[in-house]
């Protein structure tokens, strides 16, 4: 199957702007630290589940 698009995440930039560590975000949101690090490093974006609560808190 040919990939037609590429998802990227700016979470690393957002966390730096808000002076928040991935660990603190994990504790505050209850999200798995592994999921947050995947988003920070743009890994596994094609099969990661993103919770709406995490997306809302980043806004």
N, C-alpha and C. Protein backbone atom coordinates (compact mmCIF):
# COMPACT_ATOMS: atom_id res chain seq x y z
N UNK A 1 0.84 -1.18 0.00
CA UNK A 1 0.00 0.00 0.00
C UNK A 1 0.89 1.24 0.00
N UNK A 2 0.60 2.16 -0.87
CA UNK A 2 1.38 3.38 -0.99
C UNK A 2 0.89 4.42 0.03
N UNK A 3 1.80 5.00 0.79
CA UNK A 3 1.44 6.02 1.78
C UNK A 3 1.17 7.33 1.05
N UNK A 4 0.01 7.91 1.30
CA UNK A 4 -0.39 9.12 0.60
C UNK A 4 -0.25 10.38 1.46
N UNK A 5 0.01 10.21 2.74
CA UNK A 5 0.14 11.36 3.62
C UNK A 5 1.09 11.03 4.75
N UNK A 6 1.53 12.05 5.46
CA UNK A 6 2.44 11.87 6.58
C UNK A 6 1.97 12.73 7.74
N UNK A 7 1.69 12.09 8.86
CA UNK A 7 1.29 12.82 10.06
C UNK A 7 2.52 13.22 10.85
N UNK A 8 2.55 14.45 11.32
CA UNK A 8 3.62 14.89 12.21
C UNK A 8 2.98 15.57 13.42
N UNK A 9 3.74 15.63 14.47
CA UNK A 9 3.24 16.21 15.72
C UNK A 9 4.23 17.26 16.21
N UNK A 10 3.73 18.39 16.64
CA UNK A 10 4.56 19.47 17.16
C UNK A 10 4.57 19.48 18.68
N UNK A 11 4.36 18.35 19.29
CA UNK A 11 4.25 18.30 20.75
C UNK A 11 5.52 18.77 21.43
N UNK A 12 6.67 18.42 20.89
CA UNK A 12 7.93 18.84 21.51
C UNK A 12 8.01 20.37 21.57
N UNK A 13 7.67 21.04 20.49
CA UNK A 13 7.69 22.50 20.46
C UNK A 13 6.67 23.08 21.44
N UNK A 14 5.48 22.51 21.47
CA UNK A 14 4.42 22.99 22.36
C UNK A 14 4.84 22.86 23.82
N UNK A 15 5.43 21.72 24.18
CA UNK A 15 5.86 21.52 25.56
C UNK A 15 6.95 22.51 25.95
N UNK A 16 7.89 22.77 25.04
CA UNK A 16 8.95 23.74 25.33
C UNK A 16 8.38 25.13 25.52
N UNK A 17 7.43 25.51 24.67
CA UNK A 17 6.80 26.83 24.79
C UNK A 17 6.07 27.00 26.11
N UNK A 18 5.46 25.93 26.60
CA UNK A 18 4.69 26.00 27.84
C UNK A 18 5.50 25.56 29.05
N UNK A 19 6.79 25.24 28.83
CA UNK A 19 7.70 24.84 29.90
C UNK A 19 7.15 23.65 30.69
N UNK A 20 6.74 22.62 29.96
CA UNK A 20 6.19 21.40 30.55
C UNK A 20 7.02 20.22 30.07
N UNK A 21 7.32 19.30 30.96
CA UNK A 21 8.05 18.10 30.57
C UNK A 21 7.06 17.02 30.15
N UNK A 22 7.50 16.07 29.33
CA UNK A 22 6.61 14.96 28.97
C UNK A 22 6.13 14.20 30.21
N UNK A 23 7.00 14.06 31.20
CA UNK A 23 6.62 13.36 32.43
C UNK A 23 5.49 14.10 33.16
N UNK A 24 5.61 15.42 33.28
CA UNK A 24 4.57 16.21 33.94
C UNK A 24 3.25 16.12 33.17
N UNK A 25 3.34 16.18 31.84
CA UNK A 25 2.13 16.06 31.03
C UNK A 25 1.47 14.71 31.25
N UNK A 26 2.28 13.67 31.36
CA UNK A 26 1.76 12.33 31.61
C UNK A 26 1.03 12.27 32.95
N UNK A 27 1.63 12.84 33.98
CA UNK A 27 1.01 12.82 35.30
C UNK A 27 -0.27 13.67 35.34
N UNK A 28 -0.24 14.83 34.68
CA UNK A 28 -1.39 15.73 34.69
C UNK A 28 -2.58 15.18 33.91
N UNK A 29 -2.31 14.46 32.83
CA UNK A 29 -3.39 13.99 31.96
C UNK A 29 -3.77 12.54 32.20
N UNK A 30 -2.89 11.78 32.85
CA UNK A 30 -3.14 10.36 33.05
C UNK A 30 -2.83 9.52 31.82
N UNK A 31 -2.22 10.15 30.82
CA UNK A 31 -1.83 9.43 29.60
C UNK A 31 -0.55 8.66 29.85
N UNK A 32 -0.36 7.60 29.09
CA UNK A 32 0.85 6.79 29.22
C UNK A 32 2.06 7.60 28.76
N UNK A 33 3.14 7.54 29.53
CA UNK A 33 4.36 8.27 29.19
C UNK A 33 4.91 7.82 27.84
N UNK A 34 4.77 6.53 27.54
CA UNK A 34 5.24 6.02 26.26
C UNK A 34 4.53 6.65 25.08
N UNK A 35 3.22 6.86 25.21
CA UNK A 35 2.45 7.51 24.16
C UNK A 35 2.90 8.94 23.96
N UNK A 36 3.14 9.64 25.06
CA UNK A 36 3.58 11.03 24.97
C UNK A 36 4.96 11.12 24.33
N UNK A 37 5.87 10.23 24.70
CA UNK A 37 7.20 10.25 24.08
C UNK A 37 7.13 9.88 22.60
N UNK A 38 6.22 9.01 22.21
CA UNK A 38 6.04 8.72 20.79
C UNK A 38 5.61 9.97 20.04
N UNK A 39 4.72 10.75 20.63
CA UNK A 39 4.27 11.98 20.00
C UNK A 39 5.39 13.02 19.95
N UNK A 40 6.15 13.13 21.03
CA UNK A 40 7.27 14.07 21.07
C UNK A 40 8.29 13.73 19.99
N UNK A 41 8.55 12.45 19.79
CA UNK A 41 9.56 12.01 18.84
C UNK A 41 9.00 11.68 17.46
N UNK A 42 7.72 11.94 17.24
CA UNK A 42 7.06 11.65 15.95
C UNK A 42 7.26 10.20 15.53
N UNK A 43 7.08 9.29 16.45
CA UNK A 43 7.22 7.86 16.15
C UNK A 43 5.86 7.20 16.26
N UNK A 44 5.57 6.31 15.34
CA UNK A 44 4.33 5.54 15.41
C UNK A 44 3.07 6.37 15.27
N UNK A 45 3.16 7.48 14.57
CA UNK A 45 2.00 8.35 14.43
C UNK A 45 0.87 7.68 13.65
N UNK A 46 1.21 6.74 12.80
CA UNK A 46 0.19 6.10 11.97
C UNK A 46 -0.66 5.10 12.74
N UNK A 47 -0.19 4.66 13.92
CA UNK A 47 -0.98 3.68 14.67
C UNK A 47 -1.16 4.06 16.14
N UNK A 48 -0.88 5.30 16.50
CA UNK A 48 -1.07 5.75 17.89
C UNK A 48 -2.50 6.23 18.10
N UNK A 49 -2.99 5.99 19.29
CA UNK A 49 -4.31 6.50 19.66
C UNK A 49 -4.12 7.81 20.42
N UNK A 50 -4.81 8.83 19.99
CA UNK A 50 -4.72 10.13 20.64
C UNK A 50 -6.03 10.40 21.35
N UNK A 51 -5.95 10.59 22.64
CA UNK A 51 -7.18 10.85 23.39
C UNK A 51 -7.59 12.31 23.20
N UNK A 52 -8.87 12.54 23.20
CA UNK A 52 -9.37 13.90 23.05
C UNK A 52 -9.00 14.75 24.26
N UNK A 53 -8.89 14.14 25.44
CA UNK A 53 -8.52 14.92 26.62
C UNK A 53 -7.09 15.43 26.51
N UNK A 54 -6.20 14.63 25.94
CA UNK A 54 -4.82 15.07 25.75
C UNK A 54 -4.77 16.21 24.73
N UNK A 55 -5.47 16.06 23.63
CA UNK A 55 -5.49 17.12 22.62
C UNK A 55 -6.09 18.40 23.17
N UNK A 56 -7.12 18.28 23.98
CA UNK A 56 -7.77 19.45 24.58
C UNK A 56 -6.82 20.19 25.51
N UNK A 57 -6.09 19.46 26.32
CA UNK A 57 -5.18 20.08 27.29
C UNK A 57 -4.01 20.79 26.61
N UNK A 58 -3.66 20.37 25.42
CA UNK A 58 -2.55 21.00 24.70
C UNK A 58 -2.97 22.27 24.00
N UNK A 59 -4.24 22.50 23.90
CA UNK A 59 -4.74 23.66 23.18
C UNK A 59 -4.54 24.94 23.94
